[in-house]
Protein backbone atom coordinates (compact mmCIF):
# COMPACT_ATOMS: atom_id res chain seq x y z
CA MET A 1 -6.63 253.76 -47.12
CA ALA A 2 -6.83 252.53 -43.41
CA LEU A 3 -8.27 249.65 -41.42
CA VAL A 4 -9.51 250.12 -38.05
CA VAL A 5 -9.81 246.87 -36.06
CA ASN A 6 -11.51 247.52 -32.72
CA ALA A 7 -9.01 250.35 -32.23
CA ASP A 8 -9.53 252.51 -29.08
CA VAL A 9 -9.70 256.29 -30.54
CA HIS A 10 -9.88 257.38 -26.95
CA ASN A 11 -6.48 256.00 -25.84
CA GLN A 12 -4.04 258.61 -24.99
CA GLN A 13 -0.93 256.49 -26.04
CA PHE A 14 -0.26 255.71 -29.45
CA ALA A 15 2.63 253.98 -31.26
CA ILE A 16 3.67 254.37 -35.04
CA ILE A 17 5.13 251.24 -36.18
CA LEU A 18 7.10 251.78 -39.51
CA ALA A 19 6.61 248.68 -41.80
CA ALA A 20 6.56 250.03 -45.09
CA GLY A 21 10.01 249.41 -46.35
CA THR A 22 10.88 246.98 -49.19
CA SER A 23 13.21 244.88 -47.08
CA THR A 24 15.75 245.00 -49.92
CA ARG A 25 18.86 243.91 -47.73
CA MET A 26 16.92 241.12 -45.92
CA GLY A 27 15.53 239.68 -49.19
CA THR A 28 11.93 239.09 -47.87
CA CYS A 29 9.53 241.25 -46.37
CA LYS A 30 10.41 241.91 -42.59
CA THR A 31 6.89 241.75 -41.65
CA THR A 32 6.48 238.12 -42.25
CA LEU A 33 9.61 236.72 -40.51
CA PRO A 34 9.00 234.35 -37.74
CA TRP A 35 9.59 235.51 -34.24
CA CYS A 36 8.64 234.59 -30.52
CA GLU A 37 5.94 231.95 -30.03
CA GLY A 38 5.33 231.18 -33.77
CA LYS A 39 4.27 234.78 -34.35
CA THR A 40 5.41 236.97 -37.18
CA LEU A 41 7.71 239.81 -36.22
CA LEU A 42 4.78 242.19 -37.01
CA THR A 43 2.17 240.41 -34.92
CA TYR A 44 4.66 239.93 -31.99
CA GLN A 45 5.45 243.75 -31.94
CA LEU A 46 1.77 244.76 -32.07
CA GLU A 47 0.80 242.50 -29.49
CA GLN A 48 3.56 243.97 -27.13
CA TRP A 49 2.29 247.48 -27.65
CA LEU A 50 -1.10 246.65 -27.18
CA LEU A 51 0.00 245.10 -23.68
CA ALA A 52 1.79 248.15 -22.88
CA GLY A 53 -1.57 250.13 -23.17
CA PHE A 54 -0.63 251.60 -26.82
CA THR A 55 -2.77 251.62 -29.91
CA PRO A 56 -0.40 250.64 -32.55
CA VAL A 57 -0.57 252.45 -35.73
CA VAL A 58 1.05 250.38 -38.44
CA VAL A 59 2.38 251.87 -41.44
CA LEU A 60 2.50 249.44 -44.43
CA GLY A 61 3.42 250.18 -48.12
CA SER A 62 1.54 249.46 -51.21
CA HIS A 63 3.78 246.23 -51.70
CA ASN A 64 2.77 244.62 -48.28
CA HIS A 65 -0.79 246.02 -47.59
CA HIS A 66 -2.07 242.59 -47.60
CA ARG A 67 -0.18 242.03 -44.25
CA GLN A 68 -3.07 243.99 -42.45
CA SER A 69 -4.32 240.08 -41.84
CA ASP A 70 -1.49 239.89 -39.44
CA CYS A 71 -2.50 242.85 -37.27
CA PRO A 72 -4.39 241.80 -33.94
CA PRO A 73 -7.59 243.49 -32.86
CA GLY A 74 -6.88 247.05 -31.60
CA SER A 75 -4.52 247.85 -34.16
CA LEU A 76 -4.88 250.84 -36.89
CA VAL A 77 -3.36 250.32 -40.10
CA VAL A 78 -2.34 252.84 -42.83
CA ILE A 79 -1.01 252.28 -46.28
CA ASN A 80 1.71 254.87 -47.28
CA PRO A 81 1.72 254.88 -51.17
CA ASP A 82 4.75 257.28 -51.02
CA ALA A 83 6.89 254.98 -48.74
CA SER A 84 10.02 254.96 -51.21
CA ALA A 85 10.30 258.76 -50.52
CA GLY A 86 11.67 257.92 -47.02
CA LYS A 87 10.68 257.07 -43.45
CA THR A 88 9.46 260.34 -42.51
CA THR A 89 6.55 260.12 -45.05
CA SER A 90 5.48 256.89 -43.06
CA ILE A 91 5.77 258.77 -39.79
CA LEU A 92 3.69 261.57 -41.23
CA ALA A 93 1.27 259.12 -42.51
CA GLY A 94 0.98 257.61 -39.09
CA LEU A 95 0.46 260.99 -37.45
CA GLN A 96 -2.42 261.80 -39.60
CA LYS A 97 -4.42 258.84 -38.16
CA ILE A 98 -3.63 259.71 -34.41
CA PRO A 99 -6.27 261.87 -32.69
CA THR A 100 -4.67 265.40 -31.89
CA ASP A 101 -5.00 265.35 -28.22
CA VAL A 102 -3.20 262.34 -27.28
CA GLU A 103 -0.57 262.38 -24.61
CA ILE A 104 2.00 260.24 -25.75
CA ILE A 105 3.28 259.13 -29.35
CA ALA A 106 5.85 256.22 -29.69
CA VAL A 107 7.81 255.59 -32.88
CA SER A 108 9.49 252.24 -33.65
CA ALA A 109 9.85 250.10 -36.68
CA VAL A 110 9.02 246.60 -37.61
CA ASP A 111 12.84 245.75 -37.51
CA GLN A 112 13.07 246.76 -33.85
CA PRO A 113 11.41 244.08 -31.70
CA ARG A 114 11.31 244.67 -27.96
CA LYS A 115 9.89 242.93 -25.19
CA LEU A 116 6.57 244.40 -23.19
CA GLN A 117 9.06 244.98 -19.98
CA ILE A 118 10.89 247.60 -22.22
CA TYR A 119 7.98 249.47 -23.23
CA GLN A 120 6.61 249.41 -19.82
CA GLN A 121 9.95 250.80 -18.21
CA LEU A 122 10.05 253.40 -20.83
CA LEU A 123 6.58 254.47 -20.11
CA GLN A 124 6.92 254.65 -16.55
CA ALA A 125 10.13 256.88 -16.79
CA HIS A 126 8.58 259.12 -19.53
CA LYS A 127 5.46 259.74 -17.23
CA TYR A 128 7.51 260.21 -13.79
CA HIS A 129 9.68 262.72 -15.45
CA SER A 130 7.16 264.57 -17.30
CA ALA A 131 9.51 264.21 -20.33
CA LEU A 132 9.32 265.85 -23.90
CA ILE A 133 11.03 262.92 -25.32
CA THR A 134 12.09 259.69 -23.72
CA ALA A 135 14.76 256.93 -25.20
CA PRO A 136 16.33 253.90 -24.13
CA ILE A 137 20.10 253.74 -23.53
CA TYR A 138 22.43 250.79 -23.86
CA LYS A 139 26.22 251.72 -23.12
CA SER A 140 25.81 255.32 -23.93
CA LYS A 141 23.85 254.70 -27.25
CA ILE A 142 20.45 255.88 -27.78
CA GLY A 143 18.19 253.06 -29.03
CA HIS A 144 14.39 252.82 -29.92
CA PRO A 145 11.45 253.38 -29.51
CA LEU A 146 11.53 256.96 -28.84
CA LEU A 147 8.54 258.27 -26.88
CA PHE A 148 7.22 261.76 -27.42
CA ALA A 149 4.87 264.14 -25.26
CA LYS A 150 1.95 265.95 -27.10
CA GLU A 151 4.04 269.13 -26.89
CA MET A 152 6.30 267.42 -29.55
CA ARG A 153 3.69 266.92 -31.96
CA VAL A 154 4.02 269.95 -34.07
CA ASN A 155 7.88 269.21 -34.26
CA LEU A 156 7.24 265.53 -35.50
CA GLU A 157 4.57 266.96 -38.06
CA ASN A 158 7.47 269.22 -39.48
CA ILE A 159 10.14 266.47 -39.96
CA SER A 160 11.51 265.80 -43.41
CA GLU A 161 14.17 263.55 -45.34
CA ALA A 162 15.94 267.01 -46.02
CA THR A 163 16.41 267.43 -42.32
CA LEU A 164 17.32 263.89 -41.48
CA GLY A 165 13.77 263.14 -39.75
CA LEU A 166 13.98 262.04 -36.34
CA ARG A 167 17.56 262.31 -35.98
CA GLN A 168 17.29 266.19 -36.21
CA LEU A 169 14.81 265.95 -33.49
CA ILE A 170 17.33 264.02 -31.31
CA GLN A 171 20.20 266.23 -32.04
CA GLU A 172 18.03 269.57 -31.28
CA PHE A 173 16.45 268.29 -28.09
CA TYR A 174 19.20 265.82 -26.90
CA SER A 175 19.88 267.87 -23.66
CA LEU A 176 15.95 267.38 -22.71
CA ILE A 177 15.64 263.68 -23.66
CA CYS A 178 14.99 261.39 -20.66
CA LYS A 179 17.45 258.67 -21.16
CA VAL A 180 16.79 255.48 -19.64
CA ASP A 181 19.66 252.98 -18.94
CA PHE A 182 19.03 249.31 -19.96
CA ASP A 183 21.58 246.41 -19.72
CA ASP A 184 19.76 244.63 -22.49
CA PRO A 185 21.39 245.40 -25.83
CA THR A 186 18.07 244.47 -27.72
CA VAL A 187 17.17 248.29 -27.09
CA ILE A 188 19.63 249.13 -29.91
CA LEU A 189 18.68 246.30 -32.07
CA ASP A 190 17.85 246.93 -35.76
CA ILE A 191 17.27 243.92 -38.12
CA ASN A 192 18.35 244.78 -41.69
CA THR A 193 19.99 241.52 -42.99
CA LEU A 194 19.30 237.66 -42.95
CA SER A 195 22.28 237.34 -40.69
CA GLU A 196 21.38 239.94 -38.28
CA TYR A 197 17.94 238.43 -38.11
CA LEU A 198 19.55 235.03 -37.19
CA LYS A 199 21.67 236.42 -34.62
CA ALA A 200 18.94 238.90 -33.40
CA ALA A 201 16.55 235.96 -32.57
CA ILE A 202 19.16 234.27 -30.58
CA ALA A 203 20.00 237.20 -28.62
CA PHE A 204 16.44 237.88 -28.11
CA LEU A 205 15.76 234.48 -26.62
CA ASN A 206 18.88 234.79 -24.46
CA HIS A 207 17.33 238.09 -22.84
CA SER A 208 13.98 236.41 -21.96
């Protein structure tokens, strides 16, 4: 099922936010973690994507479907009942709710919070270079989110857990990726445990 809250279906930029995991290592649902300005981690990220001009497509699981209430106006919410089968199922579920003619599809996750400026810089580089894929880089390491041109949609629709999902696309198209260098380590941030969350919150504020 899906919930549309004043979503702009005519937008040409969509962002899939993966939030259907069970947060086993964290011990509590990541979507509810407090983040900046008293917002939850989920709400903060959705607001940043909206400010960057993207329509966020949030993929939740059956266990946290009630977190739809944290999604600001302009968001599209999709419930993935098969989330336990892997992240690729959530990406595919999100893709099904995105119009076929959009220009840019970004893919991120609830445990990868980024500031608006990072999205803006990636978007600017993606458009300037007419890139197939755009990715942030910190000290030669590829981070997230990834931005995909419409020409890559068929490739996204054919990912699977068996072929390593997005990692397979990165490997296959590595030489064609528009790599945007950042001096901000948050572009490679993934939050999986409570200790990582606490460290990330401090680091995030230090790079404000």
